[in-house]
């Protein structure tokens, strides 16, 4: 199924998804994240997250959802296509 990239829904992923939640087929879906230049710490849905304000620089990276879950910022919202499998499987 093709994605409707023009239609986005901004959702919090860091609270409903935890490492304990089975991810199934969403595990390999790439999500765009923002992280401090050190690459350490939380992954953010926006470079404007208040937690990143103190970072000297911010990088944008694509991370498989299964790898990102444990590091998702609980305050950020990620723009996802409305037909994203992540949205359909989310305990939102």
Protein backbone atom coordinates (compact mmCIF):
# COMPACT_ATOMS: atom_id res chain seq x y z
CA UNK A 1 0.00 0.00 0.00
CA UNK A 2 1.40 3.40 -0.88
CA UNK A 3 1.73 6.02 1.80
CA UNK A 4 -0.29 9.21 1.77
CA UNK A 5 2.68 11.45 2.53
CA UNK A 6 0.61 14.61 2.05
CA UNK A 7 -1.65 13.70 4.96
CA UNK A 8 0.22 13.69 8.25
CA UNK A 9 -0.84 13.10 11.81
CA UNK A 10 1.44 14.31 14.60
CA UNK A 11 1.52 11.76 17.39
CA UNK A 12 3.38 11.13 20.62
CA UNK A 13 5.27 7.86 20.30
CA UNK A 14 7.44 7.93 23.43
CA UNK A 15 4.60 7.29 25.87
CA UNK A 16 2.37 4.66 24.24
CA UNK A 17 5.28 2.62 22.90
CA UNK A 18 7.75 1.10 25.32
CA UNK A 19 10.26 -1.72 24.89
CA UNK A 20 7.67 -4.04 26.48
CA UNK A 21 5.05 -3.37 23.76
CA UNK A 22 5.23 -5.97 20.97
CA UNK A 23 6.02 -4.12 17.73
CA UNK A 24 5.38 -6.85 15.19
CA UNK A 25 5.77 -5.66 11.60
CA UNK A 26 6.27 -2.00 12.67
CA UNK A 27 9.73 -2.87 14.01
CA UNK A 28 11.53 -2.20 10.70
CA UNK A 29 9.69 0.99 9.68
CA UNK A 30 12.08 3.93 9.49
CA UNK A 31 11.14 7.03 11.45
CA UNK A 32 12.87 10.36 11.15
CA UNK A 33 14.37 11.52 14.42
CA UNK A 34 16.46 14.42 15.64
CA UNK A 35 19.36 13.86 18.00
CA UNK A 36 22.19 15.90 19.46
CA UNK A 37 25.43 15.77 17.49
CA UNK A 38 26.87 13.34 20.05
CA UNK A 39 24.23 10.78 19.02
CA UNK A 40 23.56 10.00 22.66
CA UNK A 41 20.37 10.51 24.60
CA UNK A 42 16.76 10.62 23.48
CA UNK A 43 15.49 10.65 19.91
CA UNK A 44 13.20 13.59 19.15
CA UNK A 45 10.37 14.17 16.72
CA UNK A 46 11.32 17.79 16.15
CA UNK A 47 14.61 19.72 16.19
CA UNK A 48 12.77 22.37 18.22
CA UNK A 49 12.20 20.08 21.22
CA UNK A 50 13.00 21.98 24.41
CA UNK A 51 15.36 19.18 25.48
CA UNK A 52 17.53 19.77 22.39
CA UNK A 53 17.81 23.54 22.90
CA UNK A 54 21.07 23.19 24.81
CA UNK A 55 22.66 20.99 22.12
CA UNK A 56 25.42 22.68 20.13
CA UNK A 57 24.05 21.08 16.96
CA UNK A 58 21.30 18.65 16.03
CA UNK A 59 21.37 15.89 13.41
CA UNK A 60 18.45 14.33 11.57
CA UNK A 61 18.60 10.54 11.27
CA UNK A 62 16.33 7.73 10.12
CA UNK A 63 16.08 4.91 12.63
CA UNK A 64 14.17 1.61 12.51
CA UNK A 65 11.22 1.97 14.88
CA UNK A 66 12.23 -1.14 16.83
CA UNK A 67 15.65 0.37 17.61
CA UNK A 68 14.20 3.78 18.44
CA UNK A 69 11.48 2.78 20.92
CA UNK A 70 13.68 2.71 24.02
CA UNK A 71 15.06 6.19 23.24
CA UNK A 72 11.94 8.11 22.13
CA UNK A 73 11.40 11.47 23.82
CA UNK A 74 8.13 11.25 25.77
CA UNK A 75 7.30 14.92 25.00
CA UNK A 76 7.81 14.96 21.23
CA UNK A 77 5.31 14.36 18.46
CA UNK A 78 6.30 12.66 15.22
CA UNK A 79 4.67 13.48 11.88
CA UNK A 80 3.47 10.17 10.43
CA UNK A 81 1.45 9.50 7.29
CA UNK A 82 -2.17 8.87 8.22
CA UNK A 83 -1.95 5.37 6.75
CA UNK A 84 1.20 4.47 8.70
CA UNK A 85 1.23 0.96 10.11
CA UNK A 86 2.63 2.47 13.32
CA UNK A 87 -0.58 4.46 13.78
CA UNK A 88 -2.77 1.45 13.09
CA UNK A 89 -0.95 -0.67 15.67
CA UNK A 90 -0.44 2.06 18.28
CA UNK A 91 -1.98 1.82 21.72
CA UNK A 92 -2.84 5.54 21.33
